[in-house]
Amino acid sequence: MLSTDRIKIHEDLLRLKPSGALEHVSMSQLARKGTSVLRKIQEKDQAVTVSVQGQDAMVTLLRSQYDEIIGLIQQIHGIQADDGFDQELTRKFDCLIAEMSQPGAADTAAAVLFGDPADLNRNYRPGTTETGK
């Protein structure tokens, strides 16, 4: 687990919103009014999404915010998991992927998710958490 005593996050980054909640500008608007868009980004301390032909294509950030994010990524990358959590999580994920890759796994998942409830109830077998060990 990452703790705040190891990594300090600048307050500006904590105020950044998800891309879906940001103000949108078009690439043509950015080209025509780039200076005013930049001023708005600086005043609000908030990123802006830029769309190209109606599709969101990028998010602008102040250079200081970008540099702070890069610094945080480097810090996170440098932290070694000393409790084995990451390794255990990776092992469990690998096991899950292996089970999902077994022949017939997709059919089984489809039957469970979209099958007839009467068939599911008829074929149900209690697990060890229900029957005890």
Foldseek 3Di string as FASTA:
>chain_A
DDDCVQPPADPLLVPEDPQVPAAEDEPVCCVVPVVVVVVVCVVVSYWYFYDYPPHGDDIDHDPVNVVRVVVRVVSVVPDDDPPCPVVVVVVVVVVVVVQCPDPCNVVVVCCVVPNDVVVCVVPDDDDCVVVPD
